[in-house]
Protein backbone atom coordinates (compact mmCIF):
# COMPACT_ATOMS: atom_id res chain seq x y z
CA MET A 1 15.89 2.03 6.66
CA GLY A 2 12.20 2.61 7.60
CA GLY A 3 9.04 4.07 6.33
CA ALA A 4 7.86 7.50 7.96
CA PHE A 5 6.50 6.09 11.06
CA GLN A 6 7.16 3.60 13.14
CA LEU A 7 5.99 2.87 16.84
CA GLY A 8 7.24 5.28 19.61
CA THR A 9 9.74 6.73 17.18
CA GLY A 10 9.52 10.48 15.78
CA PHE A 11 11.16 11.47 12.49
CA ARG A 12 12.80 14.95 11.52
CA PHE A 13 12.02 16.09 7.89
CA GLU A 14 15.87 15.84 7.54
CA GLU A 15 15.74 12.02 8.39
CA PHE A 16 13.76 11.69 4.96
CA THR A 17 17.20 11.12 3.05
CA ASP A 18 15.18 10.39 0.19
CA GLY A 19 13.71 13.42 -0.04
CA LEU A 20 10.15 14.53 1.17
CA SER A 21 8.68 14.21 -2.43
CA ASN A 22 10.02 10.20 -2.92
CA THR A 23 8.13 9.05 0.55
CA LEU A 24 4.98 7.96 1.19
CA LEU A 25 3.31 9.67 4.61
CA ILE A 26 -0.27 8.85 4.24
CA GLY A 27 -2.65 7.42 2.00
CA GLU A 28 -6.48 5.80 1.60
CA LYS A 29 -7.38 2.70 3.40
CA THR A 30 -8.99 -0.52 2.29
CA VAL A 31 -12.57 -1.19 4.00
CA PRO A 32 -13.98 -3.56 2.51
CA ILE A 33 -17.93 -2.54 0.98
CA ASP A 34 -19.49 -4.82 3.57
CA GLY A 35 -17.37 -3.67 6.09
CA MET A 36 -18.75 0.18 6.38
CA GLY A 37 -19.05 1.16 9.89
CA LEU A 38 -17.60 -1.95 11.78
CA GLY A 39 -15.29 -1.96 13.92
CA TRP A 40 -11.68 -2.72 13.29
CA LEU A 41 -12.70 -2.85 9.62
CA ASP A 42 -13.84 0.60 9.04
CA CYS A 43 -11.82 2.46 12.07
CA SER A 44 -10.41 5.77 11.97
CA ILE A 45 -7.22 7.18 13.48
CA TYR A 46 -8.71 8.66 15.88
CA ASN A 47 -10.27 5.86 17.04
CA GLY A 48 -8.69 4.46 20.20
CA ASN A 49 -10.42 1.32 20.32
CA TYR A 50 -8.01 -0.40 17.68
CA PHE A 51 -4.79 0.34 17.87
CA ALA A 52 -3.90 -0.65 14.21
CA CYS A 53 -6.34 1.73 12.09
CA SER A 54 -3.68 3.97 12.19
CA THR A 55 -1.21 1.60 10.90
CA ARG A 56 -1.13 0.19 6.75
CA PRO A 57 2.08 -1.74 5.19
CA VAL A 58 3.66 -0.32 2.12
CA GLY A 59 5.38 -3.41 0.52
CA LYS A 60 5.72 -5.60 -2.12
CA ASP A 61 3.59 -7.99 0.00
CA SER A 62 1.25 -5.43 0.50
CA PRO A 63 0.38 -3.87 -2.57
CA PRO A 64 -2.40 -0.90 -2.98
CA THR A 65 -6.02 -2.45 -3.47
CA THR A 66 -8.70 -1.34 -5.54
CA ASN A 67 -10.91 -4.27 -4.88
CA PRO A 68 -13.73 -3.20 -2.74
CA ARG A 69 -14.17 -6.63 -1.43
CA SER A 70 -10.52 -6.68 -0.08
CA SER A 71 -10.23 -7.11 3.30
CA ALA A 72 -6.72 -6.86 3.25
CA TRP A 73 -4.56 -4.61 5.87
CA THR A 74 -3.03 -2.34 2.99
CA PHE A 75 -3.98 1.06 1.25
CA GLY A 76 -6.68 0.64 -1.36
CA SER A 77 -9.96 2.82 -2.19
CA TRP A 78 -12.75 2.42 -4.28
CA HIS A 79 -11.67 4.76 -6.88
CA THR A 80 -11.04 2.75 -10.59
CA ARG A 81 -7.52 1.45 -9.98
CA VAL A 82 -6.01 4.14 -8.26
CA VAL A 83 -5.25 4.88 -4.55
CA GLN A 84 -4.52 8.40 -3.60
CA PHE A 85 -1.30 9.07 -1.27
CA CYS A 86 -0.06 12.36 0.03
CA PHE A 87 3.56 12.71 0.06
CA ALA A 88 5.72 13.83 2.95
CA ASP A 89 6.11 17.33 1.43
CA GLY A 90 2.33 17.63 1.08
CA HIS A 91 1.76 16.83 -2.62
CA VAL A 92 -0.77 14.23 -2.94
CA LYS A 93 -0.77 11.42 -5.92
CA GLY A 94 -2.75 8.35 -7.54
CA ILE A 95 -0.55 5.48 -7.69
CA SER A 96 -1.82 2.64 -10.03
CA ASP A 97 -2.87 -0.43 -7.91
CA SER A 98 -0.65 -2.12 -10.22
CA ILE A 99 2.19 -0.34 -9.29
CA ASP A 100 5.22 -2.20 -9.38
CA PRO A 101 5.89 -3.87 -6.37
CA TYR A 102 9.32 -3.10 -5.99
CA THR A 103 8.92 0.87 -6.79
CA TYR A 104 5.81 0.49 -4.50
CA GLU A 105 8.03 -0.45 -1.58
CA LEU A 106 10.82 2.06 -2.11
CA LEU A 107 8.46 4.66 -1.99
CA GLY A 108 7.40 3.73 1.37
CA GLN A 109 11.41 4.21 2.83
CA ARG A 110 12.30 7.62 3.93
CA ASN A 111 16.43 6.62 4.03
CA ASP A 112 17.20 3.52 1.92
CA GLY A 113 19.38 5.62 -0.85
CA MET A 114 17.90 3.81 -3.63
CA VAL A 115 17.05 5.70 -6.90
CA ILE A 116 12.85 5.46 -7.69
CA PRO A 117 12.07 4.12 -11.23
CA ASP A 118 9.33 5.96 -13.00
CA TYR A 119 5.96 4.91 -11.70
């Protein structure tokens, strides 16, 4: 089991056995309001200075946030109660910052074989 990305490993679409439309691929990152433009707090995937810039966990211990003061290493935004994600099939959907943690974790897995509840 695993997410869409793992260090040093590439995956073919056929390895997304839960379905491309059921697997998170990329999402908005959390940048604290006081951290705009500051090194690792506001780096991008293209920033070679900080490896972790292109990583964020998806799981019950790392819920998405819309708190502009959060410095948690999670997906997040400053939108009202929603964080935007692109799924592996290319569609984009806003996910509530109050999504059930178990459901959120399932969306982060590409091949666990579990049915994702409505969210």
